[in-house]
Amino acid sequence: MEKALKILSGSMLIAIFMMVASAATAQTTMDEFMSKWQNSKQFTIDVLNKMPESGMDYKTDPEAMSFKEQIHHIGNAIVGISQGFLKGGDPGFTIDLATASKADLADYVAKCYDYGTATMKALSEADAAESMDVFGSTVTRRQVMALLMDHSTHHRGSAIAYLRAEGVEPPAFVGF
């Protein structure tokens, strides 16, 4: 019985060690994140470019954001969250969504992603690891970067659903 407990205890320690080692290496490096971020930028612009002009104001519900508002919201969130939590300064650009063309919106979103890139890359390792209160949770700036990716994916996914509702085939997903 004692031998069985030693084997079980040893196995448990090995399993715990393997889980900790796996978790420690599961995080994405900054270069890997930036590659994925650039992919997100291009995919967002590709989704925008697929929608015909006639569908830019399409809404799934009167209370929902329109297609162009979904895309605009992605860019605005990148800038606003980067300024508020990632030490970003004045981006130096804006857009009037009411008068913007689809090309203007694509340019704006590209600038927002580029601003996010510059802001994230400017963070030191200590800055990226610093914890702060964000929307009621204590997180690191690195987690805020992940939030921006998730937020972009969420709203781009809504925009893809709008494309399908308008009978438009969305661009193919590119994972890496």
Protein backbone atom coordinates (compact mmCIF):
# COMPACT_ATOMS: atom_id res chain seq x y z
CA MET A 1 0.00 0.00 0.00
CA GLU A 2 2.82 2.40 0.88
CA LYS A 3 4.51 1.67 -2.45
CA ALA A 4 1.26 2.38 -4.30
CA LEU A 5 0.91 5.73 -2.49
CA LYS A 6 4.48 6.68 -3.41
CA ILE A 7 3.82 5.82 -7.06
CA LEU A 8 0.55 7.74 -7.02
CA SER A 9 2.18 10.75 -5.32
CA GLY A 10 5.07 10.68 -7.77
CA SER A 11 2.68 10.46 -10.72
CA MET A 12 0.68 13.37 -9.37
CA LEU A 13 3.82 15.49 -9.00
CA ILE A 14 4.89 14.65 -12.55
CA ALA A 15 1.42 15.50 -13.86
CA ILE A 16 1.43 18.83 -12.01
CA PHE A 17 4.92 19.62 -13.28
CA MET A 18 3.85 18.86 -16.85
CA MET A 19 0.76 21.07 -16.55
CA VAL A 20 2.79 23.97 -15.13
CA ALA A 21 5.43 23.58 -17.84
CA SER A 22 2.75 23.46 -20.50
CA ALA A 23 1.03 26.56 -19.15
CA ALA A 24 4.33 28.43 -18.99
CA THR A 25 5.05 27.77 -22.67
CA ALA A 26 1.48 28.23 -23.90
CA GLN A 27 1.67 32.04 -23.91
CA THR A 28 2.18 33.84 -27.20
CA THR A 29 5.32 35.88 -27.76
CA MET A 30 5.03 39.52 -28.82
CA ASP A 31 6.20 38.62 -32.35
CA GLU A 32 3.59 35.85 -32.59
CA PHE A 33 0.90 38.20 -31.29
CA MET A 34 1.87 40.93 -33.76
CA SER A 35 1.71 38.47 -36.65
CA LYS A 36 -1.80 37.49 -35.59
CA TRP A 37 -2.69 41.17 -35.09
CA GLN A 38 -1.67 41.96 -38.67
CA ASN A 39 -3.77 39.02 -39.82
CA SER A 40 -6.72 40.48 -37.88
CA LYS A 41 -6.20 43.84 -39.58
CA GLN A 42 -6.20 42.34 -43.06
CA PHE A 43 -9.17 40.06 -42.34
CA THR A 44 -11.20 43.00 -41.02
CA ILE A 45 -10.46 45.03 -44.14
CA ASP A 46 -11.28 42.02 -46.34
CA VAL A 47 -14.66 41.66 -44.58
CA LEU A 48 -15.36 45.36 -45.08
CA ASN A 49 -14.41 45.19 -48.76
CA LYS A 50 -16.79 42.29 -49.38
CA MET A 51 -19.89 44.27 -48.40
CA PRO A 52 -21.43 46.13 -51.33
CA GLU A 53 -22.16 49.83 -50.80
CA SER A 54 -25.85 48.94 -50.65
CA GLY A 55 -25.27 46.87 -47.51
CA MET A 56 -23.16 49.28 -45.50
CA ASP A 57 -26.15 50.48 -43.46
CA TYR A 58 -27.64 46.99 -43.03
CA LYS A 59 -28.76 46.13 -39.48
CA THR A 60 -29.99 42.80 -38.17
CA ASP A 61 -32.28 44.66 -35.78
CA PRO A 62 -33.25 48.33 -35.36
CA GLU A 63 -31.32 48.44 -32.06
CA ALA A 64 -28.18 46.79 -33.51
CA MET A 65 -25.16 48.52 -35.01
CA SER A 66 -25.14 48.69 -38.80
CA PHE A 67 -22.47 46.84 -40.76
CA LYS A 68 -20.37 49.99 -41.12
CA GLU A 69 -20.86 50.79 -37.42
CA GLN A 70 -19.56 47.32 -36.50
CA ILE A 71 -16.40 47.90 -38.53
CA HIS A 72 -16.01 51.47 -37.24
CA HIS A 73 -16.46 50.22 -33.67
CA ILE A 74 -13.52 47.84 -34.09
CA GLY A 75 -11.24 50.74 -35.00
CA ASN A 76 -12.59 53.08 -32.33
CA ALA A 77 -12.10 50.44 -29.63
CA ILE A 78 -8.50 49.82 -30.70
CA VAL A 79 -7.73 53.52 -30.41
CA GLY A 80 -9.72 54.18 -27.24
CA ILE A 81 -8.48 51.15 -25.31
CA SER A 82 -4.90 51.72 -26.49
CA GLN A 83 -5.08 55.31 -25.25
CA GLY A 84 -6.75 54.43 -21.97
CA PHE A 85 -4.82 51.32 -20.98
CA LEU A 86 -1.76 50.85 -23.23
CA LYS A 87 -0.16 54.27 -22.80
CA GLY A 88 -1.14 55.45 -26.27
CA GLY A 89 -1.11 59.11 -27.19
CA ASP A 90 -3.16 61.09 -29.67
CA PRO A 91 -3.49 58.98 -32.83
CA GLY A 92 -3.65 62.09 -35.04
CA PHE A 93 -6.61 60.93 -37.13
CA THR A 94 -10.39 60.67 -36.92
CA ILE A 95 -13.27 59.88 -39.24
CA ASP A 96 -16.79 61.19 -39.68
CA LEU A 97 -18.68 57.94 -40.19
CA ALA A 98 -21.78 59.72 -41.49
CA THR A 99 -19.92 61.07 -44.53
CA ALA A 100 -17.16 58.46 -44.90
CA SER A 101 -16.97 56.26 -47.98
CA LYS A 102 -16.17 52.58 -47.74
CA ALA A 103 -12.60 53.40 -48.83
CA ASP A 104 -12.37 56.05 -46.09
CA LEU A 105 -13.55 53.50 -43.53
CA ALA A 106 -11.00 50.92 -44.74
CA ASP A 107 -8.24 53.53 -44.44
CA TYR A 108 -9.44 54.48 -40.96
CA VAL A 109 -9.51 50.89 -39.73
CA ALA A 110 -6.03 50.26 -41.14
CA LYS A 111 -4.74 53.36 -39.31
CA CYS A 112 -6.41 52.17 -36.08
CA TYR A 113 -4.72 48.78 -36.30
CA ASP A 114 -1.39 50.46 -37.11
CA TYR A 115 -1.84 52.79 -34.13
CA GLY A 116 -2.56 49.76 -31.94
CA THR A 117 0.57 48.05 -33.29
CA ALA A 118 2.78 51.05 -32.53
CA THR A 119 1.26 51.48 -29.07
CA MET A 120 1.70 47.81 -28.16
CA LYS A 121 5.25 47.64 -29.50
CA ALA A 122 6.20 50.74 -27.48
CA LEU A 123 5.39 48.99 -24.20
CA SER A 124 8.37 47.76 -22.23
CA GLU A 125 8.17 44.26 -20.80
CA ALA A 126 7.55 45.83 -17.37
CA ASP A 127 4.76 48.01 -18.78
CA ALA A 128 3.14 45.00 -20.49
CA ALA A 129 3.25 43.03 -17.23
CA GLU A 130 1.86 45.87 -15.08
CA SER A 131 -1.54 45.15 -13.53
CA MET A 132 -4.34 47.70 -13.49
CA ASP A 133 -8.08 47.98 -13.11
CA VAL A 134 -9.80 47.60 -16.49
CA PHE A 135 -13.59 47.55 -16.65
CA GLY A 136 -13.79 46.24 -13.07
CA SER A 137 -11.11 43.53 -13.39
CA THR A 138 -7.47 43.58 -12.41
CA VAL A 139 -5.47 42.60 -15.49
CA THR A 140 -2.11 43.21 -17.12
CA ARG A 141 -1.60 45.33 -20.20
CA ARG A 142 -0.75 42.08 -21.98
CA GLN A 143 -4.28 40.89 -21.17
CA VAL A 144 -5.66 44.17 -22.52
CA MET A 145 -3.89 43.40 -25.81
CA ALA A 146 -5.63 40.01 -25.87
CA LEU A 147 -8.92 41.77 -25.09
CA LEU A 148 -8.44 43.97 -28.15
CA MET A 149 -7.92 40.88 -30.30
CA ASP A 150 -11.01 39.19 -28.86
CA HIS A 151 -13.08 42.36 -29.26
CA SER A 152 -12.04 42.73 -32.90
CA THR A 153 -12.86 39.09 -33.56
CA HIS A 154 -16.26 39.46 -31.90
CA HIS A 155 -17.37 42.45 -33.96
CA ARG A 156 -15.82 41.14 -37.17
CA GLY A 157 -17.82 37.94 -36.59
CA SER A 158 -20.98 40.03 -36.37
CA ALA A 159 -20.01 41.77 -39.60
CA ILE A 160 -19.52 38.38 -41.26
CA ALA A 161 -23.05 37.40 -40.20
CA TYR A 162 -24.27 40.65 -41.80
CA LEU A 163 -22.50 39.68 -45.04
CA ARG A 164 -24.22 36.31 -45.06
CA ALA A 165 -27.61 37.91 -44.33
CA GLU A 166 -27.06 40.15 -47.36
CA GLY A 167 -26.24 37.09 -49.50
CA VAL A 168 -22.51 37.87 -49.69
CA GLU A 169 -19.90 35.12 -49.34
CA PRO A 170 -17.44 36.27 -46.65
CA PRO A 171 -13.70 36.07 -47.24
CA ALA A 172 -12.05 32.79 -46.25
CA PHE A 173 -10.66 32.66 -42.74
CA VAL A 174 -6.88 32.74 -42.52
CA GLY A 175 -5.68 31.55 -39.13
CA PHE A 176 -1.96 32.32 -39.32
